[in-house]
């Protein structure tokens, strides 16, 4: 996915084209089929994900937390806290995702501090809500 296409992800929409290009360099594209487990509660969090196409369900134990749609992202809590996944995430349809490895995420937080602040704020909102 190129830098212009990243503007379709709300978290990245306010970045300049140059900043989105920095992010794009660190992303890997992944396609998965329905039923694919994208994150397993309790597993170490080594990446975060941006949903480009498709739907996924995020659940804690047996409780549905949310349905993830294009433009959403997940996995930031474990990456930010250097801990394990706090939810199970399963593809409800064929999906196209962008993944950002934890070490690249850390680099971006230093290079783009405003982006880091937004991600941390969103993580706190999720923790308080869930």
Protein backbone atom coordinates (compact mmCIF):
# COMPACT_ATOMS: atom_id res chain seq x y z
CA UNK A 1 0.00 0.00 0.00
CA UNK A 2 1.43 3.36 -0.92
CA UNK A 3 1.51 6.54 1.15
CA UNK A 4 -1.57 8.05 -0.52
CA UNK A 5 -3.69 4.97 0.19
CA UNK A 6 -2.74 5.20 3.88
CA UNK A 7 -4.83 8.38 4.08
CA UNK A 8 -7.89 6.07 4.09
CA UNK A 9 -6.91 4.92 7.60
CA UNK A 10 -8.26 7.57 10.00
CA UNK A 11 -5.28 7.30 12.35
CA UNK A 12 -2.92 8.18 9.49
CA UNK A 13 -5.12 10.62 7.56
CA UNK A 14 -3.75 13.74 9.29
CA UNK A 15 -0.13 12.88 8.55
CA UNK A 16 1.68 14.71 5.79
CA UNK A 17 2.42 12.75 2.60
CA UNK A 18 6.07 12.55 3.72
CA UNK A 19 5.07 11.17 7.12
CA UNK A 20 2.73 8.62 5.54
CA UNK A 21 5.62 7.57 3.28
CA UNK A 22 7.72 6.95 6.41
CA UNK A 23 4.95 4.75 7.80
CA UNK A 24 4.41 2.95 4.48
CA UNK A 25 8.07 1.89 4.37
CA UNK A 26 7.60 -0.05 7.60
CA UNK A 27 4.31 -1.80 6.79
CA UNK A 28 3.82 -5.30 5.41
CA UNK A 29 0.67 -6.28 3.56
CA UNK A 30 -1.06 -9.54 4.47
CA UNK A 31 -4.16 -11.30 3.13
CA UNK A 32 -6.02 -13.86 5.23
CA UNK A 33 -9.05 -16.10 4.84
CA UNK A 34 -12.18 -16.26 6.97
CA UNK A 35 -11.51 -17.94 10.32
CA UNK A 36 -7.85 -16.95 10.50
CA UNK A 37 -6.76 -16.16 14.05
CA UNK A 38 -4.97 -12.82 13.85
CA UNK A 39 -4.27 -12.44 17.55
CA UNK A 40 -4.61 -14.92 20.39
CA UNK A 41 -5.23 -13.66 23.91
CA UNK A 42 -2.14 -14.35 26.03
CA UNK A 43 0.32 -14.58 23.11
CA UNK A 44 3.19 -12.13 22.99
CA UNK A 45 2.33 -8.97 21.01
CA UNK A 46 5.00 -8.46 18.36
CA UNK A 47 2.97 -6.40 15.85
CA UNK A 48 -0.06 -4.23 15.37
CA UNK A 49 -2.52 -4.40 12.50
CA UNK A 50 -4.45 -1.98 10.28
CA UNK A 51 -7.60 -3.32 8.59
CA UNK A 52 -7.69 -2.42 4.89
CA UNK A 53 -10.49 -4.74 3.71
CA UNK A 54 -12.75 -7.21 5.48
CA UNK A 55 -14.09 -7.74 8.99
CA UNK A 56 -12.74 -9.28 12.18
CA UNK A 57 -14.17 -9.95 15.64
CA UNK A 58 -12.23 -9.00 18.77
CA UNK A 59 -13.24 -10.89 21.91
CA UNK A 60 -11.99 -11.15 25.48
CA UNK A 61 -12.60 -14.66 26.78
CA UNK A 62 -16.16 -15.24 25.50
CA UNK A 63 -17.31 -11.59 25.33
CA UNK A 64 -17.35 -9.82 21.97
CA UNK A 65 -15.55 -6.49 22.34
CA UNK A 66 -15.96 -5.09 18.85
CA UNK A 67 -16.15 -5.82 15.15
CA UNK A 68 -13.13 -4.42 13.34
CA UNK A 69 -13.72 -2.83 9.93
CA UNK A 70 -11.63 -1.13 7.25
CA UNK A 71 -9.82 1.83 8.78
CA UNK A 72 -9.62 0.23 12.24
CA UNK A 73 -6.42 -0.92 13.88
CA UNK A 74 -5.66 -3.31 16.72
CA UNK A 75 -2.78 -4.83 18.65
CA UNK A 76 -1.44 -1.55 19.98
CA UNK A 77 -2.07 -2.34 23.65
CA UNK A 78 0.29 -5.32 23.80
CA UNK A 79 2.89 -3.58 21.65
CA UNK A 80 2.80 -0.41 23.78
CA UNK A 81 3.05 -2.33 27.04
CA UNK A 82 5.52 -4.95 25.75
CA UNK A 83 3.14 -7.62 26.95
CA UNK A 84 0.71 -10.24 25.73
CA UNK A 85 -2.44 -9.87 23.67
CA UNK A 86 -5.49 -8.73 25.61
CA UNK A 87 -8.03 -10.20 23.15
CA UNK A 88 -8.60 -12.82 20.50
CA UNK A 89 -9.09 -11.45 16.99
CA UNK A 90 -10.51 -13.69 14.25
CA UNK A 91 -11.21 -12.85 10.61
CA UNK A 92 -14.95 -12.88 9.84
CA UNK A 93 -14.29 -12.56 6.11
CA UNK A 94 -11.38 -12.59 3.72
CA UNK A 95 -9.20 -9.68 4.84
CA UNK A 96 -6.38 -7.47 3.70
CA UNK A 97 -4.28 -6.12 6.57
CA UNK A 98 -1.19 -4.04 7.07
CA UNK A 99 1.14 -5.16 9.84
CA UNK A 100 3.65 -3.05 11.73
CA UNK A 101 6.28 -4.90 13.74
CA UNK A 102 6.89 -3.76 17.32
CA UNK A 103 10.44 -2.51 16.66
CA UNK A 104 9.25 -0.47 13.65
CA UNK A 105 6.36 0.84 15.74
CA UNK A 106 8.85 1.97 18.39
CA UNK A 107 10.95 3.77 15.74
CA UNK A 108 7.86 5.54 14.38
CA UNK A 109 6.82 6.71 17.84
CA UNK A 110 10.15 8.52 18.13
CA UNK A 111 10.05 9.87 14.57
CA UNK A 112 6.36 10.90 14.71
CA UNK A 113 5.55 11.71 18.37
CA UNK A 114 2.05 13.04 17.58
CA UNK A 115 1.15 9.67 16.06
CA UNK A 116 2.48 7.93 19.16
CA UNK A 117 0.32 10.16 21.35
CA UNK A 118 -2.82 9.33 19.36
CA UNK A 119 -2.14 5.61 19.53
CA UNK A 120 -1.48 5.74 23.29
CA UNK A 121 -4.70 7.73 23.83
CA UNK A 122 -6.70 5.18 21.84
CA UNK A 123 -5.14 2.32 23.80
CA UNK A 124 -6.13 3.99 27.08
CA UNK A 125 -9.71 4.48 25.83
CA UNK A 126 -9.93 0.79 24.93
CA UNK A 127 -8.53 -0.31 28.28
CA UNK A 128 -11.00 1.88 30.16
CA UNK A 129 -13.95 0.74 28.03
CA UNK A 130 -13.14 -2.96 28.01
